[in-house]
Amino acid sequence: MLKIPMSSPDLTESDRQAVIEVINTPILSLGPKIVEFEQAFCAYTGAKQAVAVNSGTAGLHLCVHAAGIGPGDLVITTPFSFVASTNALLFEQAIPVFVDVDPATGNIDPELVSDAAKNIEKYLPRASHTAPGTLKAILPVDVFGQPAAMDKINAVAREHGLKVIEDSCEAIGATYKGQQAGTFGDYGIFAFYPNKQMTTGEGGVIITNDEKAADFMRALRNQGRAPGDTWLSHTYLGYNYRLDEMSAALGITQIKRLDEMLAKRETIAGWYAERLSEIPGIEIPVVVPETTRMSWFVYVIRLAKGIDRAELAKRLEARGVPIRPYFLPIHLQPYMVERFGYREGDFPVTEDLGRRGVAVPFSGVMTEAQVDYVCEALRQEILGV
């Protein structure tokens, strides 16, 4: 029996050597590698400014802060995401205003975004510990590596004078109508956890064309120390959101290989699509025409209604094949139910995708034999043959 890992980072000897070279110097933080990594990100995305941080969550939080979003402010966002996209709003006591998602992609539905911007009272949560204030921003998420419908979202933002914080933590290298993910909003955020397309171990990067905002976020990531402050001077209330030099060095070598790594992941996604599309009871991911380059982060299939996902996971685990639910709706997380009074049925598309979505093992280093093994296990367990 094979034992298939859920994910694996794509690392080379050059990656490892880059980290070792930093360890052999006395500069392990706030050094030249951070600057080099940020410059590499600007070169790759075309953004004017990049701010490296220690996680995508930290990046989201700094963007929310830089956008001037505070207690009671309203932000239209999606309940079908990793919790960080909502938590970054809650850190600043803002109120996330959820709208449902496109059933094909799982990305936020732009028509609902438009309606919410015009009729925000209709979309407010039932309860909140903070009184609702002004609508300030839209926070779309590029789910599973596929960009949201950013042209329509930006049109709504322009019409209503809203900031756009683009959560591209799952979509580095993706393009929407030929333009890089993360470059559509006022701010874009990427993350580099080990299961991502590229990794720095832990880490993230904010991109923006707003130099003033970038300088502010650089100060906030370093305990609020602004340019000109001495060692123990702090202009702002800040955070320890710094990325270390070893992680930045790894990021520099990884981004040089990013297009190659994305191509490998696309090949593996193609193997899955070819095999899984022939199995009744499985829906494979949909890539819409506006996505001119998919950045495959995870490979999430949907099971037909009536298939017991938990039981299937148990049987596959016994075969050495792990699968995971992806995503569990944010609005049904216990702390969100307690705080805002959400209940099942509030966002039916999100809830349906949450019930039926399954991430199968996926990484850029998978072999075709491993994909064959996973697909055959799924076929036998679903069809009972």
Protein backbone atom coordinates (compact mmCIF):
# COMPACT_ATOMS: atom_id res chain seq x y z
CA MET A 1 0.00 0.00 0.00
CA LEU A 2 1.26 3.46 -0.90
CA LYS A 3 0.97 6.27 1.64
CA ILE A 4 0.30 9.50 -0.21
CA PRO A 5 1.14 12.82 1.51
CA MET A 6 -1.57 15.48 1.48
CA SER A 7 0.96 18.03 0.23
CA SER A 8 4.71 18.48 -0.05
CA PRO A 9 6.87 21.57 -0.68
CA ASP A 10 8.87 21.71 -3.91
CA LEU A 11 12.43 22.30 -2.64
CA THR A 12 15.80 22.02 -4.38
CA GLU A 13 19.39 22.03 -3.24
CA SER A 14 19.61 25.67 -4.35
CA ASP A 15 16.76 26.53 -1.99
CA ARG A 16 18.47 24.80 0.92
CA GLN A 17 21.84 26.38 0.12
CA ALA A 18 20.30 29.86 0.07
CA VAL A 19 19.03 29.36 3.62
CA ILE A 20 22.36 27.95 4.81
CA GLU A 21 24.22 30.94 3.39
CA VAL A 22 22.11 33.29 5.53
CA ILE A 23 22.60 31.14 8.64
CA ASN A 24 26.34 31.50 8.11
CA THR A 25 26.07 35.29 8.50
CA PRO A 26 25.26 37.31 11.63
CA ILE A 27 22.25 38.97 9.99
CA LEU A 28 19.15 36.83 10.52
CA SER A 29 16.50 39.57 10.57
CA LEU A 30 15.99 43.04 9.04
CA GLY A 31 18.73 42.46 6.51
CA PRO A 32 19.31 42.60 2.75
CA LYS A 33 17.36 39.45 1.86
CA ILE A 34 14.03 41.04 2.82
CA VAL A 35 14.72 43.93 0.45
CA GLU A 36 15.82 41.58 -2.33
CA PHE A 37 12.72 39.43 -1.88
CA GLU A 38 10.45 42.47 -2.04
CA GLN A 39 12.20 43.69 -5.19
CA ALA A 40 11.79 40.24 -6.77
CA PHE A 41 8.08 40.37 -6.02
CA CYS A 42 7.70 43.78 -7.61
CA ALA A 43 9.52 42.49 -10.69
CA TYR A 44 7.29 39.42 -10.92
CA THR A 45 3.92 41.12 -10.36
CA GLY A 46 4.61 44.57 -11.78
CA ALA A 47 3.58 46.23 -8.50
CA LYS A 48 5.48 49.34 -7.40
CA GLN A 49 5.75 48.32 -3.74
CA ALA A 50 6.06 45.02 -1.87
CA VAL A 51 6.06 44.50 1.90
CA ALA A 52 7.22 41.12 3.19
CA VAL A 53 5.59 39.85 6.39
CA ASN A 54 5.56 36.67 8.45
CA SER A 55 2.20 35.34 7.20
CA GLY A 56 -0.64 36.01 4.81
CA THR A 57 -2.83 36.71 7.85
CA ALA A 58 -0.42 39.42 9.00
CA GLY A 59 -0.51 40.87 5.50
CA LEU A 60 -4.31 40.98 5.48
CA HIS A 61 -4.35 42.63 8.89
CA LEU A 62 -1.92 45.35 7.84
CA CYS A 63 -3.94 46.06 4.70
CA VAL A 64 -7.14 46.41 6.73
CA HIS A 65 -5.33 48.82 9.04
CA ALA A 66 -3.78 50.78 6.15
CA ALA A 67 -7.20 51.09 4.50
CA GLY A 68 -8.45 52.95 7.57
CA ILE A 69 -10.96 50.26 8.50
CA GLY A 70 -11.92 50.38 12.17
CA PRO A 71 -14.61 49.61 14.73
CA GLY A 72 -18.05 49.19 13.18
CA ASP A 73 -16.88 49.72 9.60
CA LEU A 74 -18.45 47.39 7.06
CA VAL A 75 -16.54 45.27 4.54
CA ILE A 76 -18.21 43.09 1.91
CA THR A 77 -16.50 39.70 1.77
CA THR A 78 -17.02 35.98 1.31
CA PRO A 79 -17.95 33.24 3.78
CA PHE A 80 -16.25 30.63 1.55
CA SER A 81 -12.59 31.09 2.46
CA PHE A 82 -9.99 30.30 5.07
CA VAL A 83 -10.94 32.12 8.28
CA ALA A 84 -8.00 34.56 8.03
CA SER A 85 -9.78 36.74 5.48
CA THR A 86 -12.55 37.43 7.98
CA ASN A 87 -10.36 37.41 11.09
CA ALA A 88 -8.28 40.30 9.72
CA LEU A 89 -11.44 42.41 9.80
CA LEU A 90 -12.41 41.28 13.28
CA PHE A 91 -8.93 42.19 14.58
CA GLU A 92 -9.88 45.83 13.86
CA GLN A 93 -13.45 45.36 15.19
CA ALA A 94 -14.87 45.81 11.70
CA ILE A 95 -18.00 43.94 10.62
CA PRO A 96 -17.70 41.44 7.76
CA VAL A 97 -20.73 41.61 5.49
CA PHE A 98 -21.00 38.25 3.76
CA VAL A 99 -22.50 37.59 0.35
CA ASP A 100 -22.76 34.16 -1.24
CA VAL A 101 -20.49 32.78 -3.93
CA ASP A 102 -20.51 31.64 -7.54
CA PRO A 103 -21.38 27.91 -7.55
CA ALA A 104 -18.91 27.19 -10.36
CA THR A 105 -15.76 28.76 -8.90
CA GLY A 106 -16.53 29.30 -5.22
CA ASN A 107 -15.44 32.93 -5.63
CA ILE A 108 -17.54 35.80 -4.33
CA ASP A 109 -20.55 36.52 -6.56
CA PRO A 110 -20.01 39.98 -8.12
CA GLU A 111 -23.74 40.54 -8.68
CA LEU A 112 -24.35 40.03 -4.97
CA VAL A 113 -21.41 42.35 -4.20
CA SER A 114 -23.10 45.01 -6.31
CA ASP A 115 -26.47 44.50 -4.63
CA ALA A 116 -24.89 44.58 -1.17
CA ALA A 117 -23.12 47.86 -1.91
CA LYS A 118 -26.46 49.39 -2.91
CA ASN A 119 -28.57 47.77 -0.19
CA ILE A 120 -26.14 47.13 2.65
CA GLU A 121 -28.81 46.99 5.37
CA LYS A 122 -30.28 43.90 3.73
CA TYR A 123 -26.98 42.04 4.16
CA LEU A 124 -26.02 43.01 7.69
CA PRO A 125 -25.64 40.13 10.16
CA ARG A 126 -28.44 39.62 12.66
CA ALA A 127 -26.33 40.56 15.65
CA SER A 128 -22.99 42.16 16.39
CA HIS A 129 -21.00 43.31 19.40
CA THR A 130 -20.29 46.50 17.46
CA ALA A 131 -22.84 48.94 16.03
CA PRO A 132 -22.76 48.99 12.21
CA GLY A 133 -21.00 51.94 10.65
CA THR A 134 -19.91 52.93 7.15
CA LEU A 135 -19.25 50.61 4.23
CA LYS A 136 -15.52 51.00 3.58
CA ALA A 137 -14.21 48.18 1.41
CA ILE A 138 -14.58 44.93 -0.50
CA LEU A 139 -12.38 41.96 0.37
CA PRO A 140 -12.59 39.29 -2.37
CA VAL A 141 -10.67 36.01 -2.15
CA ASP A 142 -9.07 34.21 -5.09
CA VAL A 143 -10.26 30.77 -4.04
CA PHE A 144 -8.06 27.71 -4.73
CA GLY A 145 -5.85 29.72 -7.12
CA GLN A 146 -8.56 31.14 -9.40
CA PRO A 147 -8.98 34.94 -9.41
CA ALA A 148 -12.32 36.45 -8.47
CA ALA A 149 -14.27 38.51 -11.04
CA MET A 150 -12.10 41.52 -10.35
CA ASP A 151 -13.26 43.80 -13.15
CA LYS A 152 -16.85 43.69 -11.88
CA ILE A 153 -15.74 43.99 -8.26
CA ASN A 154 -13.57 47.01 -9.05
CA ALA A 155 -16.47 48.63 -10.92
CA VAL A 156 -18.60 48.34 -7.77
CA ALA A 157 -15.75 49.75 -5.68
CA ARG A 158 -15.36 52.76 -7.98
CA GLU A 159 -19.09 53.43 -8.02
CA HIS A 160 -19.30 53.49 -4.23
CA GLY A 161 -15.85 54.85 -3.33
CA LEU A 162 -14.64 51.64 -1.65
CA LYS A 163 -11.18 50.24 -1.10
CA VAL A 164 -10.40 46.79 -2.52
CA ILE A 165 -8.22 44.36 -0.55
CA GLU A 166 -7.51 41.39 -2.82
CA ASP A 167 -6.77 38.21 -0.89
CA SER A 168 -4.58 36.36 -3.39
CA CYS A 169 -2.98 34.16 -0.72
CA GLU A 170 -3.94 31.08 -2.76
CA ALA A 171 -3.30 32.52 -6.23
CA ILE A 172 0.31 33.60 -6.75
CA GLY A 173 1.03 33.64 -10.48
CA ALA A 174 -2.61 33.34 -11.56
CA THR A 175 -3.87 35.77 -14.20
CA TYR A 176 -7.32 37.21 -14.81
CA LYS A 177 -7.82 38.45 -18.38
CA GLY A 178 -4.03 38.46 -18.69
CA GLN A 179 -3.35 40.49 -15.54
CA GLN A 180 -1.57 39.17 -12.45
CA ALA A 181 -3.72 38.22 -9.46
CA GLY A 182 -3.19 40.56 -6.55
CA THR A 183 -2.71 43.63 -8.75
CA PHE A 184 -6.36 44.62 -9.16
CA GLY A 185 -7.14 46.13 -5.78
CA ASP A 186 -5.59 48.84 -3.65
CA TYR A 187 -3.67 46.03 -1.94
CA GLY A 188 -2.96 42.39 -2.78
CA ILE A 189 -1.75 39.72 -0.39
CA PHE A 190 0.08 36.43 -0.99
CA ALA A 191 1.01 33.67 1.46
CA PHE A 192 3.75 31.03 1.46
CA TYR A 193 2.83 28.26 3.87
CA PRO A 194 4.50 24.93 2.91
CA ASN A 195 1.46 23.68 0.98
CA LYS A 196 1.39 26.78 -1.24
CA GLN A 197 2.67 27.00 -4.83
CA MET A 198 5.88 28.53 -3.49
CA THR A 199 6.97 28.56 0.12
CA THR A 200 9.06 30.47 2.61
CA GLY A 201 8.08 28.09 5.44
CA GLU A 202 5.88 30.78 6.97
CA GLY A 203 5.49 34.16 5.33
CA GLY A 204 3.57 36.50 3.10
CA VAL A 205 3.89 39.58 0.89
CA ILE A 206 1.67 42.63 0.41
CA ILE A 207 1.79 44.41 -2.94
CA THR A 208 0.49 47.90 -3.66
CA ASN A 209 1.16 50.92 -5.83
CA ASP A 210 0.60 53.23 -2.85
CA GLU A 211 4.06 54.19 -1.57
CA LYS A 212 2.73 55.97 1.51
CA ALA A 213 0.66 52.94 2.52
CA ALA A 214 3.64 50.63 1.93
CA ASP A 215 5.87 52.74 4.19
CA PHE A 216 3.16 52.74 6.85
CA MET A 217 2.80 48.95 6.70
CA ARG A 218 6.58 48.49 6.87
CA ALA A 219 6.54 50.52 10.07
CA LEU A 220 3.61 48.55 11.49
CA ARG A 221 5.28 45.18 10.78
CA ASN A 222 8.26 46.31 12.89
CA GLN A 223 6.55 47.35 16.12
CA GLY A 224 5.46 50.70 14.67
CA ARG A 225 9.00 51.95 14.10
CA ALA A 226 8.84 54.55 11.31
CA PRO A 227 11.75 55.83 9.19
CA GLY A 228 13.87 58.08 11.39
CA ASP A 229 12.85 56.38 14.63
CA THR A 230 15.69 55.20 16.84
CA TRP A 231 15.95 51.64 18.18
CA LEU A 232 13.44 52.18 20.99
CA SER A 233 11.30 54.87 19.33
CA HIS A 234 7.89 53.89 17.95
CA THR A 235 5.75 56.35 16.03
CA TYR A 236 2.80 53.95 15.70
CA LEU A 237 1.17 51.15 17.63
CA GLY A 238 2.62 48.27 15.64
CA TYR A 239 3.13 44.52 15.55
CA ASN A 240 5.90 41.98 15.22
CA TYR A 241 5.00 40.88 11.69
CA ARG A 242 8.56 40.72 10.35
CA LEU A 243 9.75 38.06 7.93
CA ASP A 244 13.17 36.65 8.86
CA GLU A 245 16.15 36.60 6.52
CA MET A 246 16.21 32.80 6.10
CA SER A 247 12.62 32.79 4.91
CA ALA A 248 13.28 35.69 2.57
CA ALA A 249 16.30 33.90 1.10
CA LEU A 250 14.15 30.84 0.42
CA GLY A 251 11.54 33.08 -1.16
CA ILE A 252 14.11 34.59 -3.52
CA THR A 253 15.11 31.22 -4.91
CA GLN A 254 11.52 29.96 -4.99
CA ILE A 255 10.16 32.90 -6.99
CA LYS A 256 12.85 32.35 -9.59
CA ARG A 257 11.35 28.88 -10.14
CA LEU A 258 7.71 29.89 -9.71
CA ASP A 259 6.64 29.60 -13.35
CA GLU A 260 8.27 26.18 -13.55
CA MET A 261 6.54 25.06 -10.36
CA LEU A 262 3.16 26.34 -11.57
CA ALA A 263 3.59 24.42 -14.83
CA LYS A 264 4.27 21.22 -12.88
CA ARG A 265 1.16 21.74 -10.79
CA GLU A 266 -0.88 22.36 -13.93
CA THR A 267 0.32 19.04 -15.34
CA ILE A 268 -0.70 17.22 -12.17
CA ALA A 269 -4.10 18.95 -12.18
CA GLY A 270 -4.50 17.74 -15.76
CA TRP A 271 -3.79 14.15 -14.72
CA TYR A 272 -6.46 14.43 -12.03
CA ALA A 273 -9.01 15.99 -14.40
CA GLU A 274 -8.50 13.26 -17.00
CA ARG A 275 -8.98 10.44 -14.52
CA LEU A 276 -11.57 11.84 -12.14
CA SER A 277 -13.90 13.15 -14.84
CA GLU A 278 -14.67 9.51 -15.70
CA ILE A 279 -15.87 8.65 -12.17
CA PRO A 280 -19.61 9.10 -11.52
CA GLY A 281 -20.26 11.08 -8.35
CA ILE A 282 -17.26 13.38 -8.73
CA GLU A 283 -17.30 16.94 -10.07
CA ILE A 284 -13.88 18.27 -11.06
CA PRO A 285 -12.89 21.94 -10.68
CA VAL A 286 -14.14 24.48 -13.21
CA VAL A 287 -11.73 27.03 -14.68
CA VAL A 288 -13.65 29.93 -16.20
CA PRO A 289 -12.52 31.62 -19.46
CA GLU A 290 -11.58 34.86 -17.64
CA THR A 291 -8.91 32.89 -15.77
CA THR A 292 -6.12 33.09 -18.31
CA ARG A 293 -3.77 31.27 -15.97
CA MET A 294 -4.91 29.06 -13.13
CA SER A 295 -2.50 28.84 -10.22
CA TRP A 296 -3.28 25.40 -8.82
CA PHE A 297 -3.04 25.67 -5.05
CA VAL A 298 -5.18 22.68 -4.08
CA TYR A 299 -7.23 20.26 -6.14
CA VAL A 300 -10.75 20.32 -4.72
CA ILE A 301 -13.41 18.01 -6.12
CA ARG A 302 -17.09 17.95 -5.22
CA LEU A 303 -18.88 14.79 -4.26
CA ALA A 304 -22.41 14.06 -5.41
CA LYS A 305 -25.11 14.52 -2.81
CA GLY A 306 -25.67 11.28 -0.99
CA ILE A 307 -22.00 10.31 -0.74
CA ASP A 308 -20.97 10.20 2.92
CA ARG A 309 -17.80 12.30 2.93
CA ALA A 310 -16.69 11.33 6.42
CA GLU A 311 -17.12 7.62 5.72
CA LEU A 312 -15.32 7.95 2.39
CA ALA A 313 -12.43 9.73 4.11
CA LYS A 314 -12.18 6.93 6.65
CA ARG A 315 -12.03 4.25 3.96
CA LEU A 316 -9.50 6.15 1.88
CA GLU A 317 -7.31 6.79 4.92
CA ALA A 318 -7.09 3.01 5.37
CA ARG A 319 -5.71 2.87 1.81
CA GLY A 320 -3.08 5.54 2.56
CA VAL A 321 -4.98 8.33 0.79
CA PRO A 322 -5.86 11.38 2.93
CA ILE A 323 -8.66 13.74 1.86
CA ARG A 324 -9.85 16.90 3.62
CA PRO A 325 -13.06 18.98 3.66
CA TYR A 326 -12.46 22.31 1.89
CA PHE A 327 -13.74 24.86 3.08
CA LEU A 328 -15.93 24.77 6.18
CA PRO A 329 -18.09 27.91 5.86
CA ILE A 330 -16.80 30.81 7.93
CA HIS A 331 -20.26 31.95 9.03
CA LEU A 332 -20.90 28.57 10.70
CA GLN A 333 -17.70 28.59 12.74
CA PRO A 334 -18.72 28.62 16.43
CA TYR A 335 -17.27 32.06 17.21
CA MET A 336 -19.07 33.58 14.19
CA VAL A 337 -22.40 32.02 15.16
CA GLU A 338 -22.00 33.36 18.70
CA ARG A 339 -20.95 36.83 17.59
CA PHE A 340 -23.25 37.45 14.62
CA GLY A 341 -26.14 35.00 14.97
CA TYR A 342 -25.53 33.15 11.71
CA ARG A 343 -27.33 29.88 11.07
CA GLU A 344 -27.52 27.18 8.44
CA GLY A 345 -29.33 28.32 5.33
CA ASP A 346 -27.93 31.86 5.38
CA PHE A 347 -25.56 31.24 2.44
CA PRO A 348 -26.80 28.12 0.64
CA VAL A 349 -24.20 27.97 -2.13
CA THR A 350 -21.33 28.32 0.33
CA GLU A 351 -22.88 25.66 2.55
CA ASP A 352 -23.39 23.26 -0.35
CA LEU A 353 -19.78 23.64 -1.45
CA GLY A 354 -18.67 23.24 2.15
CA ARG A 355 -20.61 19.99 2.51
CA ARG A 356 -19.45 18.44 -0.76
CA GLY A 357 -15.93 19.86 -1.26
CA VAL A 358 -12.96 17.52 -0.85
CA ALA A 359 -9.28 18.33 -1.30
CA VAL A 360 -7.33 15.35 -2.62
CA PRO A 361 -3.55 14.97 -2.22
CA PHE A 362 -1.85 17.59 -4.35
CA SER A 363 1.58 19.15 -4.79
CA GLY A 364 4.08 19.99 -7.48
CA VAL A 365 6.19 16.95 -6.65
CA MET A 366 3.47 14.30 -7.08
CA THR A 367 4.18 11.55 -9.56
CA GLU A 368 1.73 10.23 -12.13
CA ALA A 369 1.79 6.89 -10.30
CA GLN A 370 0.64 8.63 -7.10
CA VAL A 371 -2.18 10.38 -8.94
CA ASP A 372 -3.20 7.03 -10.47
CA TYR A 373 -3.26 5.47 -7.01
CA VAL A 374 -5.43 8.25 -5.53
CA CYS A 375 -7.88 8.17 -8.45
CA GLU A 376 -8.20 4.40 -8.44
CA ALA A 377 -8.83 4.43 -4.68
CA LEU A 378 -11.54 7.03 -5.16
CA ARG A 379 -13.09 5.06 -8.02
CA GLN A 380 -13.20 1.81 -6.06
CA GLU A 381 -14.55 3.37 -2.85
CA ILE A 382 -17.20 5.50 -4.56
CA LEU A 383 -18.39 2.83 -6.97
CA GLY A 384 -17.91 -0.03 -4.51
CA VAL A 385 -15.84 -2.13 -6.93
